[in-house]
Amino acid sequence: TAGDRVASLTMLVQVCPVFATVHLKALLNMAGRTGRSDSMMAVDTLKELFIGTLLPDRKLKTFAQMTPVSPKGLSKTTFTEICVVSFFEDYLKTAFAAFVQTLSEAAHSTILFFKTRAIKVAHELLAAKPEQERALLGLLVNKFGDGGRNVSSTVSVCLKKLVEEHRDMRSIVAQEIQIFLARANISDKAQYFAILFLAEIVYSRNDGELAAQLVRLFVARLEL
C-alpha cells in the first residue's frame, strides 16, 4: 500500500540520509502528485524528515557557496567524507526548494483540504528552520489573496503563531505584507485580512520605526 511504501522510504532516509537521495527523491515525486491522498501522506512525512532529521539550524549552502577544501594534509577517508557531505548538502538544498515548490502548487489546489494542509505545513517549516524562509513566507502572505473559504483566516492564524514564537520576524513579516498590499488588483477581502493582521501584532518599545511605518500605511489606506 501507499502507507507501507511511505513508511519504508522514511525508514531508509532516517537510517543514513547522506546515501538516501534516491529514496528522498521518491518521496518528493509522490508528494508532487497533488490531488491524490498519498500525496499529502508524503508531504507530511517529508515535513517531519526535513524538520527532525535533514535540515540544520542554518541555511544550506550550494557547492558554489562552500569554502573549497584541499586534500592536502587530510587523510583519504576524511577528504572523501567532506566531499560526500558537501554533495549531500548541495542536493538537499535543491530537494528542499523542490518541496517548497510542491507546497506552493498544493496551496493553489481547488480542493480545500490540500490547500489548507499546504499552508499549515509551510508555516511549520518556516517556524522550525531558516531554509527557504522568503519563499515560505511569500507563500503564506500571498494566500491572503485566496478567495477560498476560511483560507485568509487560516493564514492569519499561522502568521500570528509565527510572530509569537519568533518575535524577531515581526518586521520581516510586516515588510512582506506591505509588498503584498502594494500590488495592483488586490481584492478588498485580501486587504482587510492583511491589514487586520498587521494591526493585531503586539509591538515592543524597540519597534518604534516599524510601528510608525505601519501607521503611515494605515493612513494611506484610509485615504484611498
Protein backbone atom coordinates (compact mmCIF):
# COMPACT_ATOMS: atom_id res chain seq x y z
CA THR A 1 0.00 0.00 0.00
CA ALA A 2 0.96 3.66 -0.27
CA GLY A 3 1.26 3.88 3.50
CA ASP A 4 3.69 0.94 3.62
CA ARG A 5 5.80 2.46 0.83
CA VAL A 6 5.98 5.83 2.58
CA ALA A 7 6.93 4.12 5.85
CA SER A 8 9.70 2.09 4.23
CA LEU A 9 11.11 5.10 2.36
CA THR A 10 11.04 7.13 5.59
CA MET A 11 13.00 4.43 7.43
CA LEU A 12 15.60 4.25 4.65
CA VAL A 13 16.11 8.01 4.75
CA GLN A 14 16.41 8.06 8.53
CA VAL A 15 18.93 5.21 8.65
CA CYS A 16 21.51 7.03 6.51
CA PRO A 17 20.32 10.32 4.98
CA VAL A 18 23.56 11.01 3.09
CA PHE A 19 23.13 7.87 0.99
CA ALA A 20 19.34 8.07 0.70
CA THR A 21 18.96 10.64 -2.08
CA VAL A 22 17.12 8.11 -4.27
CA HIS A 23 14.58 7.42 -1.52
CA LEU A 24 14.16 11.12 -0.77
CA LYS A 25 13.53 11.74 -4.46
CA ALA A 26 10.87 9.01 -4.47
CA LEU A 27 9.06 10.77 -1.60
CA LEU A 28 9.31 14.11 -3.41
CA ASN A 29 7.81 12.56 -6.55
CA MET A 30 4.97 11.10 -4.50
CA ALA A 31 4.32 14.46 -2.83
CA GLY A 32 4.33 16.17 -6.22
CA ARG A 33 1.32 14.20 -7.41
CA THR A 34 -1.01 16.74 -5.84
CA GLY A 35 -4.66 15.80 -5.71
CA ARG A 36 -4.07 12.23 -4.56
CA SER A 37 -4.43 11.00 -0.99
CA ASP A 38 -0.90 9.56 -0.88
CA SER A 39 0.43 12.99 -1.89
CA MET A 40 -0.50 14.56 1.45
CA MET A 41 0.86 11.49 3.24
CA ALA A 42 4.21 12.08 1.55
CA VAL A 43 4.04 15.83 2.26
CA ASP A 44 3.54 15.23 5.99
CA THR A 45 6.35 12.65 6.03
CA LEU A 46 8.75 14.99 4.23
CA LYS A 47 7.88 17.79 6.63
CA GLU A 48 8.82 15.59 9.59
CA LEU A 49 12.01 14.42 7.88
CA PHE A 50 13.15 17.91 6.95
CA ILE A 51 12.44 19.32 10.41
CA GLY A 52 13.53 16.38 12.53
CA THR A 53 16.32 14.74 10.52
CA LEU A 54 17.58 16.56 7.45
CA LEU A 55 17.75 20.34 7.86
CA PRO A 56 20.32 22.04 10.13
CA ASP A 57 19.52 25.15 12.17
CA ARG A 58 21.12 27.34 9.48
CA LYS A 59 20.63 27.96 5.79
CA LEU A 60 22.04 25.31 3.49
CA LYS A 61 24.84 26.08 1.05
CA THR A 62 25.35 25.13 -2.58
CA PHE A 63 28.73 23.90 -3.84
CA ALA A 64 29.47 27.41 -5.09
CA GLN A 65 28.87 28.87 -1.62
CA MET A 66 31.09 26.39 0.21
CA THR A 67 34.71 27.05 1.12
CA PRO A 68 36.93 24.94 -1.17
CA VAL A 69 38.72 22.12 0.64
CA SER A 70 42.11 20.82 -0.44
CA PRO A 71 43.00 17.16 0.09
CA LYS A 72 46.48 18.29 1.16
CA GLY A 73 47.09 17.37 4.78
CA LEU A 74 43.92 15.29 5.02
CA SER A 75 43.57 11.53 5.02
CA LYS A 76 41.80 9.98 2.05
CA THR A 77 38.92 8.94 4.33
CA THR A 78 38.47 12.42 5.80
CA PHE A 79 38.60 14.12 2.41
CA THR A 80 36.06 11.63 1.00
CA GLU A 81 33.72 12.24 3.93
CA ILE A 82 33.90 16.01 3.38
CA CYS A 83 33.13 15.57 -0.33
CA VAL A 84 30.17 13.27 0.37
CA VAL A 85 28.68 15.60 2.99
CA SER A 86 29.18 18.62 0.69
CA PHE A 87 27.45 16.82 -2.18
CA PHE A 88 24.56 15.89 0.09
CA GLU A 89 24.11 19.44 1.37
CA ASP A 90 24.05 20.77 -2.19
CA TYR A 91 21.49 18.10 -3.14
CA LEU A 92 19.42 18.76 -0.02
CA LYS A 93 19.17 22.47 -0.79
CA THR A 94 17.78 21.66 -4.25
CA ALA A 95 15.47 18.97 -2.87
CA PHE A 96 14.00 21.26 -0.22
CA ALA A 97 13.45 24.03 -2.78
CA ALA A 98 11.55 21.47 -4.88
CA PHE A 99 9.46 20.54 -1.84
CA VAL A 100 8.57 24.19 -1.23
CA GLN A 101 7.52 24.46 -4.88
CA THR A 102 5.29 21.41 -4.39
CA LEU A 103 3.70 23.11 -1.38
CA SER A 104 3.13 26.23 -3.46
CA GLU A 105 1.33 24.19 -6.11
CA ALA A 106 -0.75 22.38 -3.47
CA ALA A 107 -1.66 25.77 -1.96
CA HIS A 108 -3.35 26.58 -5.27
CA SER A 109 -5.34 23.34 -5.35
CA THR A 110 -9.07 23.52 -5.96
CA ILE A 111 -9.50 21.05 -3.09
CA LEU A 112 -9.72 22.99 0.18
CA PHE A 113 -8.15 20.19 2.27
CA PHE A 114 -4.96 20.10 0.16
CA LYS A 115 -4.78 23.90 0.09
CA THR A 116 -5.18 24.26 3.86
CA ARG A 117 -2.73 21.45 4.61
CA ALA A 118 -0.08 23.01 2.36
CA ILE A 119 -0.45 26.33 4.19
CA LYS A 120 -0.08 24.70 7.60
CA VAL A 121 2.96 22.66 6.53
CA ALA A 122 4.60 25.80 5.10
CA HIS A 123 4.04 27.53 8.45
CA GLU A 124 5.54 24.63 10.42
CA LEU A 125 8.64 24.58 8.21
CA LEU A 126 9.05 28.35 8.43
CA ALA A 127 8.72 28.29 12.21
CA ALA A 128 11.24 25.45 12.60
CA LYS A 129 14.06 26.13 10.11
CA PRO A 130 15.57 29.13 8.26
CA GLU A 131 15.98 27.40 4.88
CA GLN A 132 13.78 28.89 2.11
CA GLU A 133 12.47 31.45 4.60
CA ARG A 134 11.50 34.05 2.00
CA ALA A 135 9.79 31.54 -0.29
CA LEU A 136 7.73 30.03 2.53
CA LEU A 137 6.78 33.44 3.93
CA GLY A 138 5.81 34.63 0.45
CA LEU A 139 3.65 31.51 0.00
CA LEU A 140 1.77 32.27 3.22
CA VAL A 141 1.31 36.00 2.66
CA ASN A 142 0.14 35.52 -0.93
CA LYS A 143 -2.71 33.32 0.33
CA PHE A 144 -4.32 36.41 1.86
CA GLY A 145 -5.49 36.92 -1.72
CA ASP A 146 -7.10 33.50 -1.95
CA GLY A 147 -10.85 33.60 -2.39
CA GLY A 148 -11.38 30.18 -0.80
CA ARG A 149 -13.49 29.82 2.31
CA ASN A 150 -11.51 30.41 5.52
CA VAL A 151 -8.15 30.45 3.70
CA SER A 152 -7.29 34.03 4.67
CA SER A 153 -8.21 33.40 8.30
CA THR A 154 -6.05 30.24 8.31
CA VAL A 155 -3.10 32.29 7.05
CA SER A 156 -3.71 34.89 9.78
CA VAL A 157 -3.67 32.22 12.48
CA CYS A 158 -0.44 30.71 11.12
CA LEU A 159 1.33 34.06 10.89
CA LYS A 160 0.19 35.06 14.39
CA LYS A 161 1.72 31.86 15.77
CA LEU A 162 4.90 32.56 13.80
CA VAL A 163 5.46 36.07 15.17
CA GLU A 164 4.56 34.92 18.68
CA GLU A 165 7.18 32.15 18.53
CA HIS A 166 9.78 34.27 16.68
CA ARG A 167 9.34 37.88 17.68
CA ASP A 168 12.36 38.94 15.64
CA MET A 169 10.43 38.02 12.49
CA ARG A 170 7.74 40.66 13.03
CA SER A 171 9.46 43.23 10.84
CA ILE A 172 10.19 40.67 8.10
CA VAL A 173 6.56 39.53 8.04
CA ALA A 174 5.28 43.11 8.11
CA GLN A 175 7.53 44.06 5.18
CA GLU A 176 6.34 41.08 3.15
CA ILE A 177 2.70 42.06 3.76
CA GLN A 178 3.43 45.64 2.75
CA ILE A 179 4.86 44.36 -0.54
CA PHE A 180 1.71 42.27 -0.98
CA LEU A 181 -0.55 45.29 -0.36
CA ALA A 182 1.37 47.37 -2.88
CA ARG A 183 0.35 45.07 -5.73
CA ALA A 184 -2.37 46.02 -8.18
CA ASN A 185 -5.79 44.37 -8.23
CA ILE A 186 -5.72 43.15 -4.61
CA SER A 187 -9.27 42.37 -3.51
CA ASP A 188 -10.92 44.25 -0.64
CA LYS A 189 -11.12 41.00 1.31
CA ALA A 190 -7.39 40.36 0.91
CA GLN A 191 -6.58 43.91 2.01
CA TYR A 192 -8.89 43.58 5.01
CA PHE A 193 -7.28 40.39 6.34
CA ALA A 194 -3.73 41.60 5.65
CA ILE A 195 -4.24 44.96 7.38
CA LEU A 196 -6.16 43.35 10.24
CA PHE A 197 -3.21 41.02 10.84
CA LEU A 198 -0.76 43.94 10.91
CA ALA A 199 -2.99 45.84 13.33
CA GLU A 200 -3.11 42.90 15.73
CA ILE A 201 0.66 42.43 16.05
CA VAL A 202 1.89 43.35 19.54
CA TYR A 203 4.90 45.64 19.21
CA SER A 204 7.59 46.47 21.76
CA ARG A 205 9.32 49.75 22.59
CA ASN A 206 12.11 48.79 20.21
CA ASP A 207 9.70 48.58 17.25
CA GLY A 208 9.09 52.32 17.00
CA GLU A 209 10.30 52.64 13.43
CA LEU A 210 8.24 49.66 12.25
CA ALA A 211 5.15 50.88 14.12
CA ALA A 212 5.48 54.36 12.57
CA GLN A 213 5.83 52.81 9.14
CA LEU A 214 2.66 50.78 9.64
CA VAL A 215 0.73 53.82 10.90
CA ARG A 216 1.66 55.59 7.66
CA LEU A 217 0.46 52.53 5.76
CA PHE A 218 -2.89 52.52 7.60
CA VAL A 219 -3.39 56.24 6.98
CA ALA A 220 -2.54 55.82 3.29
CA ARG A 221 -5.12 53.03 3.02
CA LEU A 222 -7.78 55.18 4.64
CA GLU A 223 -7.09 57.92 2.12
CA LEU A 224 -7.67 55.61 -0.86
